[in-house]
Amino acid sequence: MRKLLALLTLFVAGQAYGQISKAGQAGAKFLSLPYSVRGESMGGAFTAVGDDPSVVFYNPAGAALVAQRSLYFVAGNWWGSYVSGISYVTPTRRGNFSVFISGVYVGGIEAYELTADAQIVYKGTIAYMASQLGFGYSAFLTDKFAFGVDMKLIYEGFGGYSTAYSLAIDAGTYYHVGFRDLVIASSFRHFGFDLKPSGTYTRYEYNNGVVENIVEYTSYKLPTVFNLGISGSLYSNSYSRLRGSVEIVHPVDNLEYYVVGLEYSILNMVFLRVGYKFYTNEEEAVNGANGLNAGLGIRYGKFSLDYGYYMKGIMPPVNQVSVLYNF
């Protein structure tokens, strides 16, 4: 099993690292937004930590750790965009099954039209909507190794002018190495068909008169990303626990970066979280992409409430809230 895990990790890493890492190489960026408050409060270092329904947005294999039927909801405002998500996991004797949906809504976008005589005409406001709907399966193959896979439908709507659809998969692994509670996990997400907006548009060329060309929209890739993380307890006693996580993230459309996260729990009821992202080349990092994240969680009975506060450099900070219920 250890040899199999090593081969799978090397294969997935090789596939991910073989792709060009440049900004603007992929679309459907709503998939890159965080849908786990607990995970993003730790800077995104959640691949080897997640054990609740929100982990389906990071590592499908982590859903195998969910021990009872659980429902999760997250919402927040992301610089004028409404971001939300729902996930549900149910354990069975043959593994755990999950369903999830997440997306973004951006309203009030001003629309303009360029006419043949080079006039710009205001067309009112439109809205951008995007979502993913997925179904997942996860299970432990041994007492230490789990895997998970998601199949999902991806949709983008451009204000009634065009729509785009795609099918994609997420895959992940989870391995307890056998030393204390040390865990190594990986995930490969948003791997699927290119998106191509429907319909056509008119492109004008002004060269000795006006030439109208009816052109199809250009297709674009999904924001595929590979994560490899390791986590474990740094300190624990009968009252509290400090858990650390380190992760390497390789997206196809941006620079590779590293994330470090901490989660401190008190009586398994109160949780304090902090995380940070480190880029390999700060000069080329997208402004506002890095920063310090922090969060607070409270667990009472069957309910859990989490709050996240994410600093985004030159951009305004982002707030998110989530609720989890165990049946």
C-alpha atoms as a PDB file:
ATOM      1  CA  MET A   1       0.000   0.000   0.000  1.00  0.00           C
ATOM      2  CA  ARG A   2       2.852   2.389   0.741  1.00  0.00           C
ATOM      3  CA  LYS A   3       4.340   1.728  -2.705  1.00  0.00           C
ATOM      4  CA  LEU A   4       0.945   2.299  -4.310  1.00  0.00           C
ATOM      5  CA  LEU A   5       0.513   5.586  -2.427  1.00  0.00           C
ATOM      6  CA  ALA A   6       3.971   6.745  -3.494  1.00  0.00           C
ATOM      7  CA  LEU A   7       3.326   5.896  -7.140  1.00  0.00           C
ATOM      8  CA  LEU A   8      -0.042   7.639  -7.138  1.00  0.00           C
ATOM      9  CA  THR A   9       1.423  10.729  -5.512  1.00  0.00           C
ATOM     10  CA  LEU A  10       4.322  10.908  -7.955  1.00  0.00           C
ATOM     11  CA  PHE A  11       2.025  10.375 -10.950  1.00  0.00           C
ATOM     12  CA  VAL A  12      -0.437  13.072  -9.929  1.00  0.00           C
ATOM     13  CA  ALA A  13       2.344  15.470  -9.014  1.00  0.00           C
ATOM     14  CA  GLY A  14       4.023  14.874 -12.352  1.00  0.00           C
ATOM     15  CA  GLN A  15       0.840  15.592 -14.240  1.00  0.00           C
ATOM     16  CA  ALA A  16       0.253  18.798 -12.317  1.00  0.00           C
ATOM     17  CA  TYR A  17       3.810  20.066 -12.484  1.00  0.00           C
ATOM     18  CA  GLY A  18       3.959  19.509 -16.226  1.00  0.00           C
ATOM     19  CA  GLN A  19       1.535  22.352 -16.834  1.00  0.00           C
ATOM     20  CA  ILE A  20       2.413  26.003 -17.305  1.00  0.00           C
ATOM     21  CA  SER A  21       1.874  28.118 -14.213  1.00  0.00           C
ATOM     22  CA  LYS A  22       0.896  31.568 -15.507  1.00  0.00           C
ATOM     23  CA  ALA A  23      -1.887  33.897 -14.510  1.00  0.00           C
ATOM     24  CA  GLY A  24      -4.769  34.038 -16.959  1.00  0.00           C
ATOM     25  CA  GLN A  25      -4.321  30.507 -18.304  1.00  0.00           C
ATOM     26  CA  ALA A  26      -7.702  29.273 -17.006  1.00  0.00           C
ATOM     27  CA  GLY A  27     -11.270  30.432 -16.484  1.00  0.00           C
ATOM     28  CA  ALA A  28     -14.125  29.429 -14.168  1.00  0.00           C
ATOM     29  CA  LYS A  29     -12.192  31.034 -11.322  1.00  0.00           C
ATOM     30  CA  PHE A  30     -15.161  30.768  -8.993  1.00  0.00           C
ATOM     31  CA  LEU A  31     -13.925  27.197  -8.457  1.00  0.00           C
ATOM     32  CA  SER A  32     -10.803  28.622  -6.804  1.00  0.00           C
ATOM     33  CA  LEU A  33     -12.785  30.531  -4.176  1.00  0.00           C
ATOM     34  CA  PRO A  34     -12.835  29.021  -0.665  1.00  0.00           C
ATOM     35  CA  TYR A  35     -15.971  27.162   0.393  1.00  0.00           C
ATOM     36  CA  SER A  36     -14.675  25.877   3.731  1.00  0.00           C
ATOM     37  CA  VAL A  37     -14.417  28.529   6.453  1.00  0.00           C
ATOM     38  CA  ARG A  38     -12.440  26.198   8.652  1.00  0.00           C
ATOM     39  CA  GLY A  39     -10.031  25.389   5.825  1.00  0.00           C
ATOM     40  CA  GLU A  40      -9.513  28.940   4.582  1.00  0.00           C
ATOM     41  CA  SER A  41      -9.047  30.216   8.159  1.00  0.00           C
ATOM     42  CA  MET A  42      -5.996  27.937   8.200  1.00  0.00           C
ATOM     43  CA  GLY A  43      -4.717  29.554   5.024  1.00  0.00           C
ATOM     44  CA  GLY A  44      -6.069  26.714   2.909  1.00  0.00           C
ATOM     45  CA  ALA A  45      -3.849  24.093   4.565  1.00  0.00           C
ATOM     46  CA  PHE A  46      -6.807  21.741   4.836  1.00  0.00           C
ATOM     47  CA  THR A  47      -6.111  18.803   2.501  1.00  0.00           C
ATOM     48  CA  ALA A  48      -4.651  16.665   5.308  1.00  0.00           C
ATOM     49  CA  VAL A  49      -6.870  18.117   8.066  1.00  0.00           C
ATOM     50  CA  GLY A  50     -10.480  18.145   6.878  1.00  0.00           C
ATOM     51  CA  ASP A  51     -12.826  15.622   8.468  1.00  0.00           C
ATOM     52  CA  ASP A  52     -16.202  17.357   8.072  1.00  0.00           C
ATOM     53  CA  PRO A  53     -18.519  17.889   5.051  1.00  0.00           C
ATOM     54  CA  SER A  54     -16.656  21.035   3.974  1.00  0.00           C
ATOM     55  CA  VAL A  55     -13.634  18.908   3.071  1.00  0.00           C
ATOM     56  CA  VAL A  56     -15.320  17.854  -0.198  1.00  0.00           C
ATOM     57  CA  PHE A  57     -14.246  21.256  -1.545  1.00  0.00           C
ATOM     58  CA  TYR A  58     -10.581  20.464  -0.749  1.00  0.00           C
ATOM     59  CA  ASN A  59     -10.008  16.719  -0.713  1.00  0.00           C
ATOM     60  CA  PRO A  60     -12.685  14.125  -1.605  1.00  0.00           C
ATOM     61  CA  ALA A  61     -10.841  11.478   0.425  1.00  0.00           C
ATOM     62  CA  GLY A  62     -11.365  13.454   3.629  1.00  0.00           C
ATOM     63  CA  ALA A  63     -15.100  12.750   3.440  1.00  0.00           C
ATOM     64  CA  ALA A  64     -14.277   9.152   4.426  1.00  0.00           C
ATOM     65  CA  LEU A  65     -13.574  10.461   7.940  1.00  0.00           C
ATOM     66  CA  VAL A  66     -17.109  11.804   8.425  1.00  0.00           C
ATOM     67  CA  ALA A  67     -18.665   9.432  10.954  1.00  0.00           C
ATOM     68  CA  GLN A  68     -22.311  10.576  10.834  1.00  0.00           C
ATOM     69  CA  ARG A  69     -24.726  12.272   8.474  1.00  0.00           C
ATOM     70  CA  SER A  70     -23.711  15.911   8.297  1.00  0.00           C
ATOM     71  CA  LEU A  71     -24.957  19.015   6.518  1.00  0.00           C
ATOM     72  CA  TYR A  72     -22.784  22.077   5.884  1.00  0.00           C
ATOM     73  CA  PHE A  73     -23.626  25.597   4.646  1.00  0.00           C
ATOM     74  CA  VAL A  74     -21.289  28.529   3.924  1.00  0.00           C
ATOM     75  CA  ALA A  75     -21.938  32.091   2.772  1.00  0.00           C
ATOM     76  CA  GLY A  76     -19.993  35.311   2.384  1.00  0.00           C
ATOM     77  CA  ASN A  77     -19.469  38.458   0.352  1.00  0.00           C
ATOM     78  CA  TRP A  78     -16.363  38.462  -1.821  1.00  0.00           C
ATOM     79  CA  TRP A  79     -15.772  42.030  -3.036  1.00  0.00           C
ATOM     80  CA  GLY A  80     -19.338  42.478  -4.230  1.00  0.00           C
ATOM     81  CA  SER A  81     -19.836  38.836  -5.180  1.00  0.00           C
ATOM     82  CA  TYR A  82     -22.139  36.590  -3.168  1.00  0.00           C
ATOM     83  CA  VAL A  83     -20.382  33.269  -2.534  1.00  0.00           C
ATOM     84  CA  SER A  84     -22.183  30.278  -1.025  1.00  0.00           C
ATOM     85  CA  GLY A  85     -22.056  26.505  -0.836  1.00  0.00           C
ATOM     86  CA  ILE A  86     -23.811  23.461   0.618  1.00  0.00           C
ATOM     87  CA  SER A  87     -22.470  19.957   1.166  1.00  0.00           C
ATOM     88  CA  TYR A  88     -23.926  16.797   2.665  1.00  0.00           C
ATOM     89  CA  VAL A  89     -22.153  13.556   3.583  1.00  0.00           C
ATOM     90  CA  THR A  90     -23.772  10.290   4.613  1.00  0.00           C
ATOM     91  CA  PRO A  91     -21.756   7.267   5.817  1.00  0.00           C
ATOM     92  CA  THR A  92     -22.693   3.727   4.740  1.00  0.00           C
ATOM     93  CA  ARG A  93     -21.179   0.286   5.182  1.00  0.00           C
ATOM     94  CA  ARG A  94     -19.715   0.497   1.688  1.00  0.00           C
ATOM     95  CA  GLY A  95     -18.213   3.939   2.056  1.00  0.00           C
ATOM     96  CA  ASN A  96     -19.315   7.532   2.361  1.00  0.00           C
ATOM     97  CA  PHE A  97     -21.405   9.323  -0.235  1.00  0.00           C
ATOM     98  CA  SER A  98     -21.527  13.082  -0.645  1.00  0.00           C
ATOM     99  CA  VAL A  99     -23.366  15.713  -2.628  1.00  0.00           C
ATOM    100  CA  PHE A 100     -22.418  19.366  -2.870  1.00  0.00           C
ATOM    101  CA  ILE A 101     -23.189  22.572  -4.700  1.00  0.00           C
ATOM    102  CA  SER A 102     -21.369  25.872  -4.600  1.00  0.00           C
ATOM    103  CA  GLY A 103     -21.158  29.000  -6.642  1.00  0.00           C
ATOM    104  CA  VAL A 104     -21.056  32.745  -7.005  1.00  0.00           C
ATOM    105  CA  TYR A 105     -23.476  35.482  -8.024  1.00  0.00           C
ATOM    106  CA  VAL A 106     -22.358  38.907  -9.239  1.00  0.00           C
ATOM    107  CA  GLY A 107     -25.133  41.366 -10.033  1.00  0.00           C
ATOM    108  CA  GLY A 108     -25.246  44.933 -11.286  1.00  0.00           C
ATOM    109  CA  ILE A 109     -22.626  44.510 -14.027  1.00  0.00           C
ATOM    110  CA  GLU A 110     -22.963  47.293 -16.583  1.00  0.00           C
ATOM    111  CA  ALA A 111     -23.270  46.026 -20.172  1.00  0.00           C
ATOM    112  CA  TYR A 112     -22.299  47.955 -23.288  1.00  0.00           C
ATOM    113  CA  GLU A 113     -22.569  47.184 -27.001  1.00  0.00           C
ATOM    114  CA  LEU A 114     -20.234  48.321 -29.768  1.00  0.00           C
ATOM    115  CA  THR A 115     -22.154  49.179 -32.959  1.00  0.00           C
ATOM    116  CA  ALA A 116     -20.964  49.098 -36.571  1.00  0.00           C
ATOM    117  CA  ASP A 117     -20.452  52.886 -36.578  1.00  0.00           C
ATOM    118  CA  ALA A 118     -18.117  52.622 -33.563  1.00  0.00           C
ATOM    119  CA  GLN A 119     -20.684  53.852 -31.058  1.00  0.00           C
ATOM    120  CA  ILE A 120     -20.828  52.420 -27.541  1.00  0.00           C
ATOM    121  CA  VAL A 121     -24.396  51.863 -26.377  1.00  0.00           C
ATOM    122  CA  TYR A 122     -25.388  51.212 -22.772  1.00  0.00           C
ATOM    123  CA  LYS A 123     -27.518  48.046 -22.494  1.00  0.00           C
ATOM    124  CA  GLY A 124     -28.393  48.090 -18.803  1.00  0.00           C
ATOM    125  CA  THR A 125     -27.074  45.741 -16.156  1.00  0.00           C
ATOM    126  CA  ILE A 126     -26.535  42.011 -16.249  1.00  0.00           C
ATOM    127  CA  ALA A 127     -25.540  39.324 -13.750  1.00  0.00           C
ATOM    128  CA  TYR A 128     -22.863  36.666 -13.797  1.00  0.00           C
ATOM    129  CA  MET A 129     -23.773  33.331 -12.225  1.00  0.00           C
ATOM    130  CA  ALA A 130     -21.607  30.249 -11.840  1.00  0.00           C
ATOM    131  CA  SER A 131     -21.974  26.998  -9.937  1.00  0.00           C
ATOM    132  CA  GLN A 132     -20.772  23.442  -9.558  1.00  0.00           C
ATOM    133  CA  LEU A 133     -22.924  20.444  -8.666  1.00  0.00           C
ATOM    134  CA  GLY A 134     -21.083  17.317  -7.605  1.00  0.00           C
ATOM    135  CA  PHE A 135     -21.488  13.812  -6.263  1.00  0.00           C
ATOM    136  CA  GLY A 136     -18.721  12.012  -4.432  1.00  0.00           C
ATOM    137  CA  TYR A 137     -17.664   8.676  -3.003  1.00  0.00           C
ATOM    138  CA  SER A 138     -14.945   8.011  -0.444  1.00  0.00           C
ATOM    139  CA  ALA A 139     -13.821   4.980   1.532  1.00  0.00           C
ATOM    140  CA  PHE A 140     -10.969   3.480   3.557  1.00  0.00           C
ATOM    141  CA  LEU A 141      -9.234   0.701   1.626  1.00  0.00           C
ATOM    142  CA  THR A 142      -7.223  -0.181   4.737  1.00  0.00           C
ATOM    143  CA  ASP A 143      -7.294   1.080   8.299  1.00  0.00           C
ATOM    144  CA  LYS A 144      -4.827   3.827   7.265  1.00  0.00           C
ATOM    145  CA  PHE A 145      -5.442   4.649   3.612  1.00  0.00           C
ATOM    146  CA  ALA A 146      -8.536   6.298   2.127  1.00  0.00           C
ATOM    147  CA  PHE A 147      -9.359   7.594  -1.315  1.00  0.00           C
ATOM    148  CA  GLY A 148     -12.155   9.715  -2.724  1.00  0.00           C
ATOM    149  CA  VAL A 149     -13.468  10.894  -6.069  1.00  0.00           C
ATOM    150  CA  ASP A 150     -16.042  13.501  -7.128  1.00  0.00           C
ATOM    151  CA  MET A 151     -17.872  13.894 -10.420  1.00  0.00           C
ATOM    152  CA  LYS A 152     -19.293  17.339 -11.047  1.00  0.00           C
ATOM    153  CA  LEU A 153     -21.112  19.534 -13.523  1.00  0.00           C
ATOM    154  CA  ILE A 154     -19.815  23.082 -13.929  1.00  0.00           C
ATOM    155  CA  TYR A 155     -21.918  25.975 -15.219  1.00  0.00           C
ATOM    156  CA  GLU A 156     -21.263  29.625 -16.050  1.00  0.00           C
ATOM    157  CA  GLY A 157     -23.920  32.113 -17.156  1.00  0.00           C
ATOM    158  CA  PHE A 158     -22.959  35.447 -18.684  1.00  0.00           C
ATOM    159  CA  GLY A 159     -25.979  37.672 -18.214  1.00  0.00           C
ATOM    160  CA  GLY A 160     -28.244  35.941 -20.709  1.00  0.00           C
ATOM    161  CA  TYR A 161     -25.749  36.450 -23.540  1.00  0.00           C
ATOM    162  CA  SER A 162     -24.033  33.088 -23.261  1.00  0.00           C
ATOM    163  CA  THR A 163     -23.636  29.985 -21.114  1.00  0.00           C
ATOM    164  CA  ALA A 164     -20.897  27.408 -20.695  1.00  0.00           C
ATOM    165  CA  TYR A 165     -20.897  23.882 -19.288  1.00  0.00           C
ATOM    166  CA  SER A 166     -18.243  21.331 -18.421  1.00  0.00           C
ATOM    167  CA  LEU A 167     -17.762  18.009 -16.657  1.00  0.00           C
ATOM    168  CA  ALA A 168     -14.887  17.532 -14.247  1.00  0.00           C
ATOM    169  CA  ILE A 169     -13.546  15.253 -11.539  1.00  0.00           C
ATOM    170  CA  ASP A 170     -11.790  15.705  -8.212  1.00  0.00           C
ATOM    171  CA  ALA A 171      -9.659  12.935  -6.718  1.00  0.00           C
ATOM    172  CA  GLY A 172      -7.849  12.666  -3.423  1.00  0.00           C
ATOM    173  CA  THR A 173      -5.935  10.419  -1.040  1.00  0.00           C
ATOM    174  CA  TYR A 174      -5.568  10.320   2.736  1.00  0.00           C
ATOM    175  CA  TYR A 175      -2.880   8.297   4.513  1.00  0.00           C
ATOM    176  CA  HIS A 176      -2.217   7.897   8.232  1.00  0.00           C
ATOM    177  CA  VAL A 177       1.481   7.057   8.361  1.00  0.00           C
ATOM    178  CA  GLY A 178       1.259   5.250  11.703  1.00  0.00           C
ATOM    179  CA  PHE A 179       3.395   7.681  13.685  1.00  0.00           C
ATOM    180  CA  ARG A 180       1.209   9.419  16.265  1.00  0.00           C
ATOM    181  CA  ASP A 181      -1.521  11.209  14.273  1.00  0.00           C
ATOM    182  CA  LEU A 182       0.664  12.250  11.334  1.00  0.00           C
ATOM    183  CA  VAL A 183      -1.279  12.389   8.042  1.00  0.00           C
ATOM    184  CA  ILE A 184      -0.179  12.826   4.428  1.00  0.00           C
ATOM    185  CA  ALA A 185      -2.873  13.694   1.910  1.00  0.00           C
ATOM    186  CA  SER A 186      -3.176  14.898  -1.668  1.00  0.00           C
ATOM    187  CA  SER A 187      -5.856  16.106  -4.041  1.00  0.00           C
ATOM    188  CA  PHE A 188      -6.178  16.835  -7.756  1.00  0.00           C
ATOM    189  CA  ARG A 189      -9.184  19.051  -8.466  1.00  0.00           C
ATOM    190  CA  HIS A 190     -11.090  20.633 -11.350  1.00  0.00           C
ATOM    191  CA  PHE A 191      -9.722  18.275 -13.991  1.00  0.00           C
ATOM    192  CA  GLY A 192     -12.081  18.149 -16.940  1.00  0.00           C
ATOM    193  CA  PHE A 193     -13.192  19.408 -20.318  1.00  0.00           C
ATOM    194  CA  ASP A 194     -12.545  22.952 -21.476  1.00  0.00           C
ATOM    195  CA  LEU A 195     -15.398  25.433 -21.186  1.00  0.00           C
ATOM    196  CA  LYS A 196     -16.696  27.141 -24.321  1.00  0.00           C
ATOM    197  CA  PRO A 197     -19.402  29.837 -24.122  1.00  0.00           C
ATOM    198  CA  SER A 198     -22.371  29.209 -26.371  1.00  0.00           C
ATOM    199  CA  GLY A 199     -23.413  31.414 -29.255  1.00  0.00           C
ATOM    200  CA  THR A 200     -21.486  33.922 -31.324  1.00  0.00           C
ATOM    201  CA  TYR A 201     -20.632  37.606 -31.293  1.00  0.00           C
ATOM    202  CA  THR A 202     -20.007  40.235 -33.953  1.00  0.00           C
ATOM    203  CA  ARG A 203     -16.437  41.472 -34.329  1.00  0.00           C
ATOM    204  CA  TYR A 204     -15.927  44.665 -36.307  1.00  0.00           C
ATOM    205  CA  GLU A 205     -12.777  45.366 -38.296  1.00  0.00           C
ATOM    206  CA  TYR A 206     -12.227  48.955 -39.407  1.00  0.00           C
ATOM    207  CA  ASN A 207      -9.954  48.853 -42.456  1.00  0.00           C
ATOM    208  CA  ASN A 208     -11.113  50.768 -45.542  1.00  0.00           C
ATOM    209  CA  GLY A 209     -14.657  50.381 -44.307  1.00  0.00           C
ATOM    210  CA  VAL A 210     -16.437  48.240 -41.777  1.00  0.00           C
ATOM    211  CA  VAL A 211     -16.145  44.467 -41.988  1.00  0.00           C
ATOM    212  CA  GLU A 212     -18.448  42.392 -39.797  1.00  0.00           C
ATOM    213  CA  ASN A 213     -17.297  38.949 -38.695  1.00  0.00           C
ATOM    214  CA  ILE A 214     -19.490  36.480 -36.827  1.00  0.00           C
ATOM    215  CA  VAL A 215     -17.145  34.765 -34.402  1.00  0.00           C
ATOM    216  CA  GLU A 216     -17.549  31.930 -31.920  1.00  0.00           C
ATOM    217  CA  TYR A 217     -16.321  32.416 -28.381  1.00  0.00           C
ATOM    218  CA  THR A 218     -12.933  30.956 -27.481  1.00  0.00           C
ATOM    219  CA  SER A 219     -12.767  27.971 -25.166  1.00  0.00           C
ATOM    220  CA  TYR A 220     -10.786  28.109 -21.939  1.00  0.00           C
ATOM    221  CA  LYS A 221      -9.394  25.632 -19.423  1.00  0.00           C
ATOM    222  CA  LEU A 222     -10.539  24.823 -15.915  1.00  0.00           C
ATOM    223  CA  PRO A 223      -8.371  26.024 -12.985  1.00  0.00           C
ATOM    224  CA  THR A 224      -6.905  22.591 -12.259  1.00  0.00           C
ATOM    225  CA  VAL A 225      -4.894  22.457  -9.043  1.00  0.00           C
ATOM    226  CA  PHE A 226      -2.759  19.890  -7.213  1.00  0.00           C
ATOM    227  CA  ASN A 227      -2.392  19.941  -3.413  1.00  0.00           C
ATOM    228  CA  LEU A 228      -0.052  17.913  -1.232  1.00  0.00           C
ATOM    229  CA  GLY A 229      -0.250  18.343   2.541  1.00  0.00           C
ATOM    230  CA  ILE A 230       0.950  16.943   5.832  1.00  0.00           C
ATOM    231  CA  SER A 231      -0.601  17.499   9.252  1.00  0.00           C
ATOM    232  CA  GLY A 232      -0.258  16.392  12.837  1.00  0.00           C
ATOM    233  CA  SER A 233      -0.592  17.422  16.461  1.00  0.00           C
ATOM    234  CA  LEU A 234       2.091  19.748  17.774  1.00  0.00           C
ATOM    235  CA  TYR A 235       0.754  19.668  21.325  1.00  0.00           C
ATOM    236  CA  SER A 236      -2.137  17.949  23.078  1.00  0.00           C
ATOM    237  CA  ASN A 237      -3.499  17.116  26.511  1.00  0.00           C
ATOM    238  CA  SER A 238      -6.884  16.197  27.934  1.00  0.00           C
ATOM    239  CA  TYR A 239      -8.139  19.792  27.600  1.00  0.00           C
ATOM    240  CA  SER A 240      -6.621  21.208  24.444  1.00  0.00           C
ATOM    241  CA  ARG A 241      -4.874  20.392  21.203  1.00  0.00           C
ATOM    242  CA  LEU A 242      -2.719  22.322  18.743  1.00  0.00           C
ATOM    243  CA  ARG A 243      -2.709  20.924  15.232  1.00  0.00           C
ATOM    244  CA  GLY A 244      -0.397  22.092  12.463  1.00  0.00           C
ATOM    245  CA  SER A 245      -0.573  21.651   8.718  1.00  0.00           C
ATOM    246  CA  VAL A 246       1.820  22.427   5.859  1.00  0.00           C
ATOM    247  CA  GLU A 247       0.816  22.249   2.221  1.00  0.00           C
ATOM    248  CA  ILE A 248       2.183  22.829  -1.254  1.00  0.00           C
ATOM    249  CA  VAL A 249      -0.262  24.091  -3.893  1.00  0.00           C
ATOM    250  CA  HIS A 250       0.380  23.981  -7.640  1.00  0.00           C
ATOM    251  CA  PRO A 251      -2.325  25.659  -9.776  1.00  0.00           C
ATOM    252  CA  VAL A 252      -2.116  25.655 -13.568  1.00  0.00           C
ATOM    253  CA  ASP A 253      -2.962  29.351 -13.791  1.00  0.00           C
ATOM    254  CA  ASN A 254      -0.725  30.915 -11.168  1.00  0.00           C
ATOM    255  CA  LEU A 255       2.474  30.539  -9.214  1.00  0.00           C
ATOM    256  CA  GLU A 256       3.139  27.609  -6.961  1.00  0.00           C
ATOM    257  CA  TYR A 257       2.841  28.539  -3.311  1.00  0.00           C
ATOM    258  CA  TYR A 258       2.973  27.073   0.192  1.00  0.00           C
ATOM    259  CA  VAL A 259       0.489  27.378   3.020  1.00  0.00           C
ATOM    260  CA  VAL A 260       0.878  26.877   6.755  1.00  0.00           C
ATOM    261  CA  GLY A 261      -2.045  26.568   9.132  1.00  0.00           C
ATOM    262  CA  LEU A 262      -2.708  26.059  12.842  1.00  0.00           C
ATOM    263  CA  GLU A 263      -5.842  25.011  14.702  1.00  0.00           C
ATOM    264  CA  TYR A 264      -6.031  25.219  18.490  1.00  0.00           C
ATOM    265  CA  SER A 265      -8.992  23.510  20.153  1.00  0.00           C
ATOM    266  CA  ILE A 266     -10.180  23.906  23.746  1.00  0.00           C
ATOM    267  CA  LEU A 267     -12.340  21.114  25.175  1.00  0.00           C
ATOM    268  CA  ASN A 268     -13.221  20.263  21.557  1.00  0.00           C
ATOM    269  CA  MET A 269     -15.714  23.124  21.734  1.00  0.00           C
ATOM    270  CA  VAL A 270     -13.809  26.308  20.943  1.00  0.00           C
ATOM    271  CA  PHE A 271     -11.419  26.513  17.988  1.00  0.00           C
ATOM    272  CA  LEU A 272      -8.896  29.208  17.101  1.00  0.00           C
ATOM    273  CA  ARG A 273      -7.349  29.103  13.628  1.00  0.00           C
ATOM    274  CA  VAL A 274      -4.677  30.984  11.728  1.00  0.00           C
ATOM    275  CA  GLY A 275      -2.914  30.481   8.404  1.00  0.00           C
ATOM    276  CA  TYR A 276      -0.634  32.126   5.868  1.00  0.00           C
ATOM    277  CA  LYS A 277       0.313  31.670   2.193  1.00  0.00           C
ATOM    278  CA  PHE A 278       3.934  31.917   1.024  1.00  0.00           C
ATOM    279  CA  TYR A 279       4.724  32.431  -2.658  1.00  0.00           C
ATOM    280  CA  THR A 280       7.942  31.187  -4.271  1.00  0.00           C
ATOM    281  CA  ASN A 281       8.364  34.543  -6.026  1.00  0.00           C
ATOM    282  CA  GLU A 282       6.715  37.438  -4.224  1.00  0.00           C
ATOM    283  CA  GLU A 283       7.423  39.878  -7.074  1.00  0.00           C
ATOM    284  CA  GLU A 284       5.320  37.841  -9.499  1.00  0.00           C
ATOM    285  CA  ALA A 285       2.569  36.951  -7.039  1.00  0.00           C
ATOM    286  CA  VAL A 286      -0.810  38.437  -7.831  1.00  0.00           C
ATOM    287  CA  ASN A 287      -1.432  41.465  -5.629  1.00  0.00           C
ATOM    288  CA  GLY A 288      -3.917  40.668  -2.909  1.00  0.00           C
ATOM    289  CA  ALA A 289      -3.617  36.905  -3.290  1.00  0.00           C
ATOM    290  CA  ASN A 290      -1.471  36.415  -0.194  1.00  0.00           C
ATOM    291  CA  GLY A 291      -2.133  37.417   3.366  1.00  0.00           C
ATOM    292  CA  LEU A 292      -2.894  36.313   6.882  1.00  0.00           C
ATOM    293  CA  ASN A 293      -6.102  34.397   7.533  1.00  0.00           C
ATOM    294  CA  ALA A 294      -7.732  33.761  10.893  1.00  0.00           C
ATOM    295  CA  GLY A 295     -10.920  32.268  12.229  1.00  0.00           C
ATOM    296  CA  LEU A 296     -12.988  31.201  15.206  1.00  0.00           C
ATOM    297  CA  GLY A 297     -15.147  28.103  15.627  1.00  0.00           C
ATOM    298  CA  ILE A 298     -17.686  27.064  18.255  1.00  0.00           C
ATOM    299  CA  ARG A 299     -19.133  23.580  18.600  1.00  0.00           C
ATOM    300  CA  TYR A 300     -22.177  22.975  20.755  1.00  0.00           C
ATOM    301  CA  GLY A 301     -24.063  19.695  20.625  1.00  0.00           C
ATOM    302  CA  LYS A 302     -24.906  18.864  17.027  1.00  0.00           C
ATOM    303  CA  PHE A 303     -24.160  22.374  15.745  1.00  0.00           C
ATOM    304  CA  SER A 304     -20.905  24.035  14.735  1.00  0.00           C
ATOM    305  CA  LEU A 305     -20.522  27.702  13.838  1.00  0.00           C
ATOM    306  CA  ASP A 306     -17.378  29.017  12.143  1.00  0.00           C
ATOM    307  CA  TYR A 307     -16.239  32.501  11.212  1.00  0.00           C
ATOM    308  CA  GLY A 308     -13.328  33.375   8.938  1.00  0.00           C
ATOM    309  CA  TYR A 309     -11.484  36.632   8.349  1.00  0.00           C
ATOM    310  CA  TYR A 310      -9.113  36.726   5.368  1.00  0.00           C
ATOM    311  CA  MET A 311      -6.643  39.543   4.723  1.00  0.00           C
ATOM    312  CA  LYS A 312      -5.986  40.109   1.002  1.00  0.00           C
ATOM    313  CA  GLY A 313      -3.082  42.501   0.790  1.00  0.00           C
ATOM    314  CA  ILE A 314      -4.067  45.613  -1.182  1.00  0.00           C
ATOM    315  CA  MET A 315      -7.644  44.340  -1.463  1.00  0.00           C
ATOM    316  CA  PRO A 316     -10.285  44.656   1.274  1.00  0.00           C
ATOM    317  CA  PRO A 317     -10.516  41.777   3.784  1.00  0.00           C
ATOM    318  CA  VAL A 318     -13.117  39.053   3.280  1.00  0.00           C
ATOM    319  CA  ASN A 319     -15.526  37.600   5.865  1.00  0.00           C
ATOM    320  CA  GLN A 320     -17.229  34.211   5.715  1.00  0.00           C
ATOM    321  CA  VAL A 321     -19.590  32.322   8.022  1.00  0.00           C
ATOM    322  CA  SER A 322     -20.558  28.653   7.998  1.00  0.00           C
ATOM    323  CA  VAL A 323     -22.908  26.372   9.911  1.00  0.00           C
ATOM    324  CA  LEU A 324     -22.596  22.603  10.282  1.00  0.00           C
ATOM    325  CA  TYR A 325     -25.209  20.220  11.642  1.00  0.00           C
ATOM    326  CA  ASN A 326     -24.672  16.563  12.570  1.00  0.00           C
ATOM    327  CA  PHE A 327     -27.801  14.428  12.428  1.00  0.00           C
END
